[in-house]
Every structure is written in structure tokens, then in C-alpha cells.
N, C-alpha and C. Protein backbone atom coordinates (compact mmCIF):
# COMPACT_ATOMS: atom_id res chain seq x y z
N MET A 1 0.87 -1.17 0.00
CA MET A 1 -0.01 0.01 -0.01
C MET A 1 0.91 1.23 0.00
N LYS A 2 0.59 2.13 -0.88
CA LYS A 2 1.39 3.34 -1.00
C LYS A 2 1.01 4.33 0.10
N ASN A 3 1.87 5.29 0.33
CA ASN A 3 1.67 6.30 1.36
C ASN A 3 0.37 7.11 1.09
N SER A 4 0.10 7.40 -0.17
CA SER A 4 -1.10 8.17 -0.49
C SER A 4 -2.36 7.35 -0.21
N GLU A 5 -2.29 6.04 -0.44
CA GLU A 5 -3.43 5.19 -0.17
C GLU A 5 -3.69 5.10 1.33
N LEU A 6 -2.64 5.11 2.10
CA LEU A 6 -2.77 5.06 3.56
C LEU A 6 -3.39 6.36 4.06
N LYS A 7 -3.01 7.47 3.50
CA LYS A 7 -3.61 8.76 3.89
C LYS A 7 -5.10 8.78 3.55
N GLN A 8 -5.45 8.19 2.44
CA GLN A 8 -6.88 8.13 2.07
C GLN A 8 -7.66 7.28 3.06
N LEU A 9 -7.06 6.19 3.50
CA LEU A 9 -7.72 5.34 4.49
C LEU A 9 -7.92 6.11 5.80
N LYS A 10 -6.92 6.86 6.22
CA LYS A 10 -7.00 7.60 7.47
C LYS A 10 -8.08 8.66 7.43
N SER A 11 -8.39 9.17 6.26
CA SER A 11 -9.36 10.24 6.14
C SER A 11 -10.80 9.72 6.07
N LYS A 12 -10.98 8.42 5.97
CA LYS A 12 -12.33 7.84 5.87
C LYS A 12 -13.00 7.75 7.24
N SER A 13 -14.30 7.74 7.22
CA SER A 13 -15.06 7.65 8.46
C SER A 13 -15.11 6.18 8.92
N LYS A 14 -15.60 6.02 10.15
CA LYS A 14 -15.69 4.68 10.71
C LYS A 14 -16.58 3.77 9.89
N GLU A 15 -17.70 4.29 9.44
CA GLU A 15 -18.65 3.49 8.65
C GLU A 15 -18.03 3.07 7.33
N GLU A 16 -17.30 3.98 6.70
CA GLU A 16 -16.64 3.65 5.43
C GLU A 16 -15.59 2.56 5.64
N LEU A 17 -14.87 2.64 6.74
CA LEU A 17 -13.84 1.65 7.03
C LEU A 17 -14.46 0.27 7.29
N TYR A 18 -15.59 0.25 7.99
CA TYR A 18 -16.29 -1.01 8.22
C TYR A 18 -16.77 -1.64 6.90
N LYS A 19 -17.29 -0.78 6.04
CA LYS A 19 -17.76 -1.26 4.75
C LYS A 19 -16.57 -1.82 3.93
N LEU A 20 -15.45 -1.10 3.95
CA LEU A 20 -14.28 -1.53 3.24
C LEU A 20 -13.74 -2.84 3.83
N LEU A 21 -13.84 -2.98 5.13
CA LEU A 21 -13.40 -4.21 5.81
C LEU A 21 -14.26 -5.40 5.38
N LEU A 22 -15.56 -5.19 5.32
CA LEU A 22 -16.46 -6.27 4.89
C LEU A 22 -16.19 -6.67 3.43
N ASP A 23 -16.00 -5.67 2.58
CA ASP A 23 -15.70 -5.95 1.17
C ASP A 23 -14.39 -6.69 1.01
N SER A 24 -13.38 -6.27 1.76
CA SER A 24 -12.07 -6.90 1.68
C SER A 24 -12.11 -8.33 2.22
N SER A 25 -12.87 -8.53 3.27
CA SER A 25 -12.99 -9.89 3.83
C SER A 25 -13.67 -10.82 2.84
N LYS A 26 -14.71 -10.34 2.19
CA LYS A 26 -15.40 -11.14 1.18
C LYS A 26 -14.48 -11.44 0.00
N LYS A 27 -13.71 -10.44 -0.40
CA LYS A 27 -12.78 -10.62 -1.49
C LYS A 27 -11.71 -11.64 -1.14
N LEU A 28 -11.23 -11.61 0.11
CA LEU A 28 -10.22 -12.57 0.56
C LEU A 28 -10.79 -13.98 0.57
N GLN A 29 -12.01 -14.13 1.02
CA GLN A 29 -12.66 -15.43 1.03
C GLN A 29 -12.76 -16.01 -0.39
N ASP A 30 -13.21 -15.17 -1.33
CA ASP A 30 -13.30 -15.61 -2.71
C ASP A 30 -11.94 -15.95 -3.29
N LEU A 31 -10.94 -15.14 -2.94
CA LEU A 31 -9.61 -15.36 -3.45
C LEU A 31 -9.03 -16.67 -2.91
N LYS A 32 -9.26 -16.96 -1.64
CA LYS A 32 -8.78 -18.22 -1.07
C LYS A 32 -9.46 -19.42 -1.72
N PHE A 33 -10.75 -19.28 -1.98
CA PHE A 33 -11.50 -20.36 -2.64
C PHE A 33 -10.96 -20.60 -4.04
N ASN A 34 -10.73 -19.52 -4.79
CA ASN A 34 -10.21 -19.66 -6.14
C ASN A 34 -8.77 -20.17 -6.14
N LEU A 35 -8.01 -19.83 -5.11
CA LEU A 35 -6.65 -20.32 -4.99
C LEU A 35 -6.63 -21.84 -4.80
N ALA A 36 -7.54 -22.32 -3.96
CA ALA A 36 -7.64 -23.75 -3.73
C ALA A 36 -8.08 -24.49 -5.01
N ALA A 37 -8.89 -23.84 -5.81
CA ALA A 37 -9.36 -24.44 -7.06
C ALA A 37 -8.31 -24.32 -8.18
N GLY A 38 -7.26 -23.57 -7.93
CA GLY A 38 -6.20 -23.42 -8.94
C GLY A 38 -6.49 -22.38 -9.98
N LYS A 39 -7.38 -21.45 -9.69
CA LYS A 39 -7.75 -20.41 -10.67
C LYS A 39 -6.92 -19.16 -10.56
N VAL A 40 -6.16 -19.00 -9.47
CA VAL A 40 -5.44 -17.76 -9.21
C VAL A 40 -3.98 -17.91 -9.63
N LYS A 41 -3.51 -16.98 -10.45
CA LYS A 41 -2.11 -17.00 -10.89
C LYS A 41 -1.20 -16.26 -9.89
N ASN A 42 -1.72 -15.16 -9.33
CA ASN A 42 -0.93 -14.32 -8.46
C ASN A 42 -1.24 -14.67 -7.00
N VAL A 43 -0.46 -15.57 -6.42
CA VAL A 43 -0.70 -16.00 -5.06
C VAL A 43 -0.33 -14.93 -4.01
N ARG A 44 0.50 -13.99 -4.43
CA ARG A 44 0.92 -12.93 -3.52
C ARG A 44 -0.24 -11.98 -3.19
N SER A 45 -1.24 -11.97 -3.99
CA SER A 45 -2.39 -11.07 -3.77
C SER A 45 -3.10 -11.42 -2.47
N VAL A 46 -3.04 -12.69 -2.05
CA VAL A 46 -3.64 -13.07 -0.77
C VAL A 46 -2.90 -12.35 0.37
N ARG A 47 -1.59 -12.37 0.33
CA ARG A 47 -0.79 -11.73 1.36
C ARG A 47 -1.03 -10.22 1.41
N VAL A 48 -1.11 -9.59 0.25
CA VAL A 48 -1.32 -8.15 0.16
C VAL A 48 -2.70 -7.79 0.75
N LEU A 49 -3.70 -8.59 0.42
CA LEU A 49 -5.05 -8.34 0.89
C LEU A 49 -5.15 -8.52 2.40
N LYS A 50 -4.45 -9.51 2.95
CA LYS A 50 -4.46 -9.71 4.39
C LYS A 50 -3.81 -8.53 5.12
N LYS A 51 -2.76 -7.99 4.54
CA LYS A 51 -2.11 -6.83 5.14
C LYS A 51 -3.00 -5.60 5.09
N ASP A 52 -3.74 -5.43 3.99
CA ASP A 52 -4.66 -4.32 3.87
C ASP A 52 -5.76 -4.43 4.93
N ILE A 53 -6.27 -5.63 5.15
CA ILE A 53 -7.27 -5.85 6.19
C ILE A 53 -6.72 -5.51 7.55
N ALA A 54 -5.47 -5.88 7.80
CA ALA A 54 -4.84 -5.58 9.09
C ALA A 54 -4.68 -4.07 9.27
N ARG A 55 -4.38 -3.36 8.21
CA ARG A 55 -4.27 -1.89 8.31
C ARG A 55 -5.61 -1.26 8.63
N ILE A 56 -6.66 -1.77 8.01
CA ILE A 56 -8.01 -1.23 8.29
C ILE A 56 -8.40 -1.50 9.73
N LEU A 57 -8.13 -2.70 10.21
CA LEU A 57 -8.42 -3.03 11.60
C LEU A 57 -7.62 -2.18 12.58
N THR A 58 -6.38 -1.89 12.25
CA THR A 58 -5.56 -1.02 13.08
C THR A 58 -6.15 0.37 13.18
N LEU A 59 -6.57 0.90 12.05
CA LEU A 59 -7.18 2.24 12.04
C LEU A 59 -8.47 2.27 12.86
N LEU A 60 -9.28 1.21 12.74
CA LEU A 60 -10.53 1.15 13.51
C LEU A 60 -10.22 1.08 15.01
N ASN A 61 -9.21 0.32 15.39
CA ASN A 61 -8.86 0.23 16.81
C ASN A 61 -8.30 1.54 17.33
N GLU A 62 -7.58 2.27 16.50
CA GLU A 62 -7.09 3.57 16.92
C GLU A 62 -8.24 4.53 17.12
N MET A 63 -9.24 4.47 16.26
CA MET A 63 -10.41 5.34 16.41
C MET A 63 -11.16 4.99 17.68
N LYS A 64 -11.22 3.73 18.01
CA LYS A 64 -11.92 3.28 19.19
C LYS A 64 -11.24 3.79 20.46
N GLU A 65 -9.90 3.82 20.46
CA GLU A 65 -9.15 4.29 21.62
C GLU A 65 -9.30 5.79 21.82
N ILE A 66 -9.44 6.52 20.75
CA ILE A 66 -9.56 7.98 20.83
C ILE A 66 -10.90 8.36 21.46
N ASN A 67 -11.97 7.66 21.08
CA ASN A 67 -13.29 7.99 21.58
C ASN A 67 -13.49 7.42 22.91
């Protein structure tokens, strides 16, 4: 994730982050299923998506601590 993408994530509201988290989780589930079926060429995309989910969760936890 680039620095500009991280800044965009930080500027989003809590609701937007939750929606993004749900979308990313669904995408990860589909990607894992397709990986097991042998349909995915880029296996690194699973790792990248997991890290993106972790970043979103970190931002949500930081927001929770502030409030």
C-alpha cells in the first residue's frame, strides 16, 4: 500500500472503514477459494489483501481508543 493510499484510508469515516473491511474480507474469502481451485495465478495477492485488512483493523482500533 502506498503512502497516499494510507492517507486516504485515514481520512475515511468509521462506517466507510467497516464497509471496506467487509468488502475486503469477502474478497479474501473468494480469493482463497479460487486459490484452492487453482484459478489464481498471483498468489501474492492473498498476502497483500491480508495486510490491507490488518491496516483497516488497526485504524478502527485507533479510532476506538480515541473515543
